[in-house]
N, C-alpha and C. Protein backbone atom coordinates (compact mmCIF):
# COMPACT_ATOMS: atom_id res chain seq x y z
N MET A 1 -6.19 -32.50 18.14
CA MET A 1 -6.88 -31.30 18.57
C MET A 1 -6.69 -31.15 20.08
N HIS A 2 -5.93 -30.15 20.50
CA HIS A 2 -5.66 -29.97 21.92
C HIS A 2 -6.86 -29.44 22.70
N GLU A 3 -7.91 -29.01 22.00
CA GLU A 3 -9.13 -28.57 22.66
C GLU A 3 -9.75 -29.72 23.46
N MET A 4 -9.57 -30.97 22.99
CA MET A 4 -10.10 -32.13 23.71
C MET A 4 -9.39 -32.27 25.06
N ALA A 5 -8.07 -32.11 25.08
CA ALA A 5 -7.31 -32.19 26.33
C ALA A 5 -7.70 -31.05 27.27
N ILE A 6 -7.92 -29.88 26.72
CA ILE A 6 -8.33 -28.73 27.52
C ILE A 6 -9.69 -29.00 28.16
N CYS A 7 -10.61 -29.55 27.38
CA CYS A 7 -11.95 -29.84 27.90
C CYS A 7 -11.91 -30.94 28.96
N THR A 8 -11.03 -31.90 28.80
CA THR A 8 -10.89 -32.96 29.80
C THR A 8 -10.43 -32.37 31.13
N ALA A 9 -9.45 -31.48 31.09
CA ALA A 9 -8.98 -30.82 32.31
C ALA A 9 -10.06 -29.91 32.89
N LEU A 10 -10.79 -29.21 32.04
CA LEU A 10 -11.89 -28.36 32.48
C LEU A 10 -12.96 -29.19 33.16
N LEU A 11 -13.29 -30.34 32.58
CA LEU A 11 -14.31 -31.20 33.15
C LEU A 11 -13.91 -31.69 34.54
N GLU A 12 -12.65 -31.99 34.75
CA GLU A 12 -12.19 -32.39 36.09
C GLU A 12 -12.48 -31.29 37.10
N GLN A 13 -12.22 -30.06 36.72
CA GLN A 13 -12.49 -28.92 37.61
C GLN A 13 -13.97 -28.78 37.92
N ILE A 14 -14.79 -28.80 36.88
CA ILE A 14 -16.21 -28.55 37.10
C ILE A 14 -16.90 -29.75 37.77
N GLU A 15 -16.40 -30.96 37.55
CA GLU A 15 -16.96 -32.11 38.26
C GLU A 15 -16.67 -31.99 39.75
N GLY A 16 -15.49 -31.51 40.10
CA GLY A 16 -15.15 -31.30 41.51
C GLY A 16 -16.08 -30.29 42.15
N ILE A 17 -16.36 -29.22 41.44
CA ILE A 17 -17.28 -28.19 41.95
C ILE A 17 -18.68 -28.76 42.12
N ALA A 18 -19.14 -29.52 41.12
CA ALA A 18 -20.48 -30.12 41.18
C ALA A 18 -20.58 -31.12 42.33
N ARG A 19 -19.54 -31.94 42.53
CA ARG A 19 -19.53 -32.91 43.64
C ARG A 19 -19.61 -32.19 44.99
N GLU A 20 -18.85 -31.12 45.10
CA GLU A 20 -18.81 -30.34 46.34
C GLU A 20 -20.20 -29.82 46.72
N HIS A 21 -21.03 -29.55 45.73
CA HIS A 21 -22.35 -28.99 45.96
C HIS A 21 -23.47 -30.00 45.70
N SER A 22 -23.11 -31.26 45.45
CA SER A 22 -24.09 -32.32 45.16
C SER A 22 -25.08 -31.86 44.09
N ALA A 23 -24.55 -31.41 42.97
CA ALA A 23 -25.39 -30.86 41.90
C ALA A 23 -24.87 -31.28 40.53
N ARG A 24 -25.70 -31.00 39.54
CA ARG A 24 -25.30 -31.19 38.15
C ARG A 24 -24.89 -29.84 37.59
N VAL A 25 -24.14 -29.87 36.52
CA VAL A 25 -23.69 -28.65 35.86
C VAL A 25 -24.71 -28.28 34.79
N SER A 26 -25.18 -27.04 34.81
CA SER A 26 -26.13 -26.60 33.79
C SER A 26 -25.47 -25.67 32.76
N ARG A 27 -24.50 -24.87 33.21
CA ARG A 27 -23.86 -23.92 32.29
C ARG A 27 -22.45 -23.61 32.80
N VAL A 28 -21.51 -23.49 31.86
CA VAL A 28 -20.13 -23.16 32.18
C VAL A 28 -19.74 -21.94 31.35
N HIS A 29 -19.16 -20.94 32.01
CA HIS A 29 -18.73 -19.71 31.34
C HIS A 29 -17.21 -19.66 31.30
N LEU A 30 -16.66 -19.45 30.11
CA LEU A 30 -15.22 -19.33 29.92
C LEU A 30 -14.89 -18.01 29.25
N SER A 31 -13.69 -17.52 29.52
CA SER A 31 -13.15 -16.38 28.80
C SER A 31 -11.95 -16.90 28.01
N VAL A 32 -11.98 -16.69 26.68
CA VAL A 32 -10.91 -17.18 25.81
C VAL A 32 -10.34 -16.02 25.01
N GLY A 33 -9.05 -15.81 25.16
CA GLY A 33 -8.39 -14.75 24.42
C GLY A 33 -8.00 -15.20 23.03
N PRO A 34 -7.98 -14.29 22.06
CA PRO A 34 -7.62 -14.66 20.69
C PRO A 34 -6.17 -15.13 20.55
N LEU A 35 -5.34 -14.82 21.54
CA LEU A 35 -3.94 -15.26 21.49
C LEU A 35 -3.69 -16.47 22.39
N SER A 36 -4.75 -17.13 22.85
CA SER A 36 -4.63 -18.27 23.74
C SER A 36 -4.22 -19.55 23.02
N GLY A 37 -4.40 -19.56 21.70
CA GLY A 37 -4.11 -20.78 20.95
C GLY A 37 -5.28 -21.76 20.95
N VAL A 38 -6.43 -21.30 21.44
CA VAL A 38 -7.62 -22.14 21.52
C VAL A 38 -8.66 -21.62 20.54
N GLU A 39 -9.22 -22.52 19.76
CA GLU A 39 -10.27 -22.17 18.80
C GLU A 39 -11.62 -22.40 19.48
N PRO A 40 -12.36 -21.32 19.80
CA PRO A 40 -13.62 -21.46 20.53
C PRO A 40 -14.61 -22.46 19.91
N ARG A 41 -14.74 -22.46 18.61
CA ARG A 41 -15.68 -23.38 17.95
C ARG A 41 -15.29 -24.84 18.20
N LEU A 42 -14.00 -25.14 18.11
CA LEU A 42 -13.54 -26.51 18.37
C LEU A 42 -13.67 -26.85 19.85
N LEU A 43 -13.46 -25.87 20.70
CA LEU A 43 -13.60 -26.07 22.14
C LEU A 43 -15.04 -26.45 22.47
N GLU A 44 -16.00 -25.78 21.87
CA GLU A 44 -17.42 -26.08 22.11
C GLU A 44 -17.77 -27.49 21.66
N ARG A 45 -17.25 -27.92 20.54
CA ARG A 45 -17.52 -29.28 20.04
C ARG A 45 -16.87 -30.32 20.95
N ALA A 46 -15.63 -30.08 21.35
CA ALA A 46 -14.93 -31.01 22.23
C ALA A 46 -15.64 -31.11 23.58
N TYR A 47 -16.14 -29.99 24.07
CA TYR A 47 -16.84 -29.95 25.36
C TYR A 47 -18.04 -30.89 25.34
N GLN A 48 -18.81 -30.85 24.27
CA GLN A 48 -19.99 -31.71 24.16
C GLN A 48 -19.60 -33.19 24.22
N VAL A 49 -18.52 -33.55 23.57
CA VAL A 49 -18.06 -34.94 23.55
C VAL A 49 -17.56 -35.38 24.92
N VAL A 50 -16.74 -34.56 25.55
CA VAL A 50 -16.13 -34.90 26.83
C VAL A 50 -17.18 -35.03 27.94
N CYS A 51 -18.26 -34.28 27.86
CA CYS A 51 -19.26 -34.25 28.93
C CYS A 51 -20.24 -35.41 28.90
N VAL A 52 -20.26 -36.20 27.85
CA VAL A 52 -21.21 -37.31 27.75
C VAL A 52 -21.00 -38.27 28.93
N GLY A 53 -22.11 -38.56 29.62
CA GLY A 53 -22.08 -39.50 30.74
C GLY A 53 -21.57 -38.92 32.05
N THR A 54 -21.44 -37.60 32.13
CA THR A 54 -20.94 -36.96 33.35
C THR A 54 -22.01 -36.03 33.93
N VAL A 55 -21.71 -35.41 35.06
CA VAL A 55 -22.64 -34.46 35.67
C VAL A 55 -22.78 -33.19 34.83
N ALA A 56 -21.96 -33.05 33.81
CA ALA A 56 -22.03 -31.89 32.93
C ALA A 56 -22.70 -32.21 31.59
N GLU A 57 -23.19 -33.43 31.44
CA GLU A 57 -23.85 -33.79 30.19
C GLU A 57 -25.03 -32.86 29.94
N ASN A 58 -25.18 -32.41 28.73
CA ASN A 58 -26.22 -31.47 28.28
C ASN A 58 -26.08 -30.07 28.85
N SER A 59 -24.95 -29.78 29.49
CA SER A 59 -24.73 -28.41 29.98
C SER A 59 -24.31 -27.53 28.81
N GLU A 60 -24.52 -26.25 29.00
CA GLU A 60 -24.19 -25.27 27.96
C GLU A 60 -22.82 -24.66 28.25
N LEU A 61 -22.00 -24.55 27.22
CA LEU A 61 -20.71 -23.88 27.33
C LEU A 61 -20.86 -22.49 26.72
N VAL A 62 -20.61 -21.46 27.52
CA VAL A 62 -20.71 -20.08 27.07
C VAL A 62 -19.28 -19.54 26.99
N VAL A 63 -18.86 -19.17 25.78
CA VAL A 63 -17.50 -18.69 25.57
C VAL A 63 -17.53 -17.19 25.28
N LYS A 64 -16.84 -16.45 26.12
CA LYS A 64 -16.73 -15.00 25.94
C LYS A 64 -15.31 -14.72 25.42
N GLU A 65 -15.21 -13.97 24.34
CA GLU A 65 -13.89 -13.64 23.80
C GLU A 65 -13.29 -12.48 24.57
N ALA A 66 -12.10 -12.71 25.11
CA ALA A 66 -11.39 -11.67 25.86
C ALA A 66 -10.70 -10.71 24.88
N ALA A 67 -10.54 -9.48 25.31
CA ALA A 67 -9.88 -8.47 24.48
C ALA A 67 -8.36 -8.58 24.61
N VAL A 68 -7.68 -8.22 23.53
CA VAL A 68 -6.22 -8.13 23.57
C VAL A 68 -5.87 -6.79 24.18
N ARG A 69 -5.05 -6.81 25.23
CA ARG A 69 -4.63 -5.58 25.92
C ARG A 69 -3.10 -5.56 25.99
N VAL A 70 -2.54 -4.37 25.84
CA VAL A 70 -1.09 -4.19 25.93
C VAL A 70 -0.75 -3.01 26.84
N ARG A 71 0.45 -3.05 27.42
CA ARG A 71 0.99 -1.93 28.18
C ARG A 71 2.23 -1.46 27.45
N CYS A 72 2.29 -0.17 27.20
CA CYS A 72 3.39 0.42 26.45
C CYS A 72 4.63 0.57 27.34
N ARG A 73 5.76 0.14 26.85
CA ARG A 73 7.02 0.31 27.59
C ARG A 73 7.56 1.73 27.45
N ASN A 74 7.03 2.47 26.49
CA ASN A 74 7.48 3.84 26.25
C ASN A 74 6.70 4.85 27.10
N CYS A 75 5.37 4.86 26.95
CA CYS A 75 4.57 5.87 27.65
C CYS A 75 3.82 5.31 28.86
N GLY A 76 3.79 3.99 29.03
CA GLY A 76 3.13 3.37 30.18
C GLY A 76 1.63 3.19 30.05
N ALA A 77 1.06 3.62 28.94
CA ALA A 77 -0.39 3.49 28.75
C ALA A 77 -0.78 2.03 28.56
N GLU A 78 -1.97 1.68 29.05
CA GLU A 78 -2.53 0.36 28.78
C GLU A 78 -3.71 0.56 27.84
N SER A 79 -3.76 -0.23 26.77
CA SER A 79 -4.81 -0.03 25.78
C SER A 79 -5.16 -1.34 25.08
N SER A 80 -6.26 -1.30 24.34
CA SER A 80 -6.66 -2.43 23.51
C SER A 80 -5.79 -2.46 22.27
N ALA A 81 -5.62 -3.65 21.73
CA ALA A 81 -4.85 -3.80 20.49
C ALA A 81 -5.46 -4.94 19.70
N SER A 82 -5.06 -5.07 18.45
CA SER A 82 -5.53 -6.21 17.67
C SER A 82 -4.50 -7.33 17.83
N ALA A 83 -4.94 -8.55 17.62
CA ALA A 83 -4.05 -9.70 17.76
C ALA A 83 -2.89 -9.64 16.76
N GLN A 84 -3.08 -8.96 15.64
CA GLN A 84 -2.05 -8.87 14.62
C GLN A 84 -1.17 -7.62 14.75
N ARG A 85 -1.59 -6.67 15.56
CA ARG A 85 -0.83 -5.41 15.74
C ARG A 85 -0.84 -5.01 17.20
N LEU A 86 0.18 -5.41 17.90
CA LEU A 86 0.26 -5.15 19.34
C LEU A 86 0.91 -3.80 19.62
N LEU A 87 0.35 -2.75 19.01
CA LEU A 87 0.88 -1.40 19.15
C LEU A 87 0.14 -0.63 20.25
N CYS A 88 0.85 0.31 20.86
CA CYS A 88 0.23 1.20 21.85
C CYS A 88 -0.77 2.11 21.13
N ALA A 89 -1.99 2.17 21.66
CA ALA A 89 -3.02 3.02 21.06
C ALA A 89 -2.77 4.50 21.34
N GLU A 90 -1.96 4.81 22.35
CA GLU A 90 -1.69 6.20 22.71
C GLU A 90 -0.58 6.81 21.87
N CYS A 91 0.58 6.13 21.82
CA CYS A 91 1.74 6.72 21.14
C CYS A 91 2.18 5.95 19.89
N GLY A 92 1.58 4.79 19.63
CA GLY A 92 1.92 4.02 18.44
C GLY A 92 3.18 3.17 18.57
N ASN A 93 3.81 3.16 19.74
CA ASN A 93 5.04 2.40 19.95
C ASN A 93 4.79 0.90 19.80
N TRP A 94 5.76 0.20 19.24
CA TRP A 94 5.66 -1.24 19.07
C TRP A 94 6.22 -2.00 20.27
N GLN A 95 6.88 -1.31 21.18
CA GLN A 95 7.47 -1.97 22.35
C GLN A 95 6.41 -2.05 23.46
N THR A 96 5.63 -3.10 23.41
CA THR A 96 4.53 -3.28 24.36
C THR A 96 4.64 -4.64 25.05
N GLU A 97 3.98 -4.75 26.17
CA GLU A 97 3.85 -6.01 26.90
C GLU A 97 2.40 -6.44 26.84
N LEU A 98 2.16 -7.69 26.57
CA LEU A 98 0.81 -8.23 26.54
C LEU A 98 0.28 -8.34 27.96
N THR A 99 -0.89 -7.75 28.22
CA THR A 99 -1.50 -7.84 29.55
C THR A 99 -2.83 -8.60 29.51
N GLY A 100 -3.33 -8.91 28.35
CA GLY A 100 -4.58 -9.66 28.22
C GLY A 100 -4.78 -10.13 26.80
N GLY A 101 -5.53 -11.21 26.67
CA GLY A 101 -5.83 -11.74 25.35
C GLY A 101 -5.23 -13.10 25.08
N ASP A 102 -4.41 -13.58 26.03
CA ASP A 102 -3.81 -14.90 25.85
C ASP A 102 -4.33 -15.89 26.89
N GLU A 103 -5.40 -15.50 27.58
CA GLU A 103 -5.90 -16.32 28.67
C GLU A 103 -7.01 -17.28 28.26
N LEU A 104 -7.17 -18.30 29.07
CA LEU A 104 -8.30 -19.22 29.02
C LEU A 104 -8.73 -19.38 30.47
N LEU A 105 -9.82 -18.72 30.84
CA LEU A 105 -10.25 -18.65 32.23
C LEU A 105 -11.63 -19.26 32.43
N LEU A 106 -11.76 -20.03 33.49
CA LEU A 106 -13.07 -20.50 33.92
C LEU A 106 -13.68 -19.38 34.75
N LEU A 107 -14.74 -18.78 34.24
CA LEU A 107 -15.35 -17.63 34.91
C LEU A 107 -16.43 -18.02 35.92
N LYS A 108 -17.29 -18.96 35.50
CA LYS A 108 -18.43 -19.29 36.34
C LYS A 108 -18.96 -20.67 35.97
N VAL A 109 -19.43 -21.41 36.99
CA VAL A 109 -20.10 -22.69 36.78
C VAL A 109 -21.48 -22.57 37.40
N GLU A 110 -22.51 -22.77 36.60
CA GLU A 110 -23.88 -22.74 37.09
C GLU A 110 -24.32 -24.17 37.35
N LEU A 111 -24.90 -24.38 38.54
CA LEU A 111 -25.29 -25.72 38.96
C LEU A 111 -26.80 -25.83 39.07
N SER A 112 -27.28 -27.07 38.99
CA SER A 112 -28.71 -27.34 39.11
C SER A 112 -28.89 -28.55 40.02
N LYS A 113 -29.54 -28.35 41.15
CA LYS A 113 -29.78 -29.45 42.08
C LYS A 113 -30.98 -30.28 41.65
N GLU A 114 -31.92 -29.70 40.94
CA GLU A 114 -33.13 -30.42 40.52
C GLU A 114 -32.80 -31.62 39.64
N SER A 115 -31.92 -31.43 38.68
CA SER A 115 -31.62 -32.51 37.74
C SER A 115 -30.79 -33.61 38.37
N LEU A 116 -30.17 -33.35 39.53
CA LEU A 116 -29.40 -34.36 40.23
C LEU A 116 -30.32 -35.48 40.71
N ALA A 117 -31.52 -35.14 41.15
CA ALA A 117 -32.48 -36.14 41.62
C ALA A 117 -32.86 -37.08 40.50
N VAL A 118 -33.01 -36.56 39.30
CA VAL A 118 -33.33 -37.39 38.13
C VAL A 118 -32.18 -38.33 37.84
N MET A 119 -30.95 -37.84 37.94
CA MET A 119 -29.77 -38.64 37.67
C MET A 119 -29.63 -39.77 38.69
N ALA A 120 -30.03 -39.54 39.95
CA ALA A 120 -29.85 -40.52 41.01
C ALA A 120 -31.02 -41.49 41.14
N SER A 121 -32.05 -41.32 40.32
CA SER A 121 -33.21 -42.20 40.45
C SER A 121 -32.86 -43.63 40.07
N PRO A 122 -33.47 -44.64 40.74
CA PRO A 122 -33.13 -46.04 40.51
C PRO A 122 -33.62 -46.58 39.17
N ASP A 123 -34.42 -45.86 38.43
CA ASP A 123 -34.94 -46.36 37.14
C ASP A 123 -33.84 -46.53 36.22
């Protein structure tokens, strides 16, 4: 499952952000396109496993599904499309370029300084 490798790389990024701000991670927001090759449900499960024992442990992963967008090579219009039919919504042409829907983007990391004190306690 490549979602585990993706989450490991994601965790490296968010741990760096948390270290920079001396905080714990409370919530992570991602945008995942249907053509990204990533299964959001599996990503959420892998995220929980990868975060155990880190500054992101017990943080929430919020996954927003990105829309599939295409630009028509015929009429130049940019429009939404389905993952199975990448047709121009304006003229119906099949000669389109994908402009969105294949991405996996880290949108936002929410941090919490309060829980860092609990993590650093000598108990």
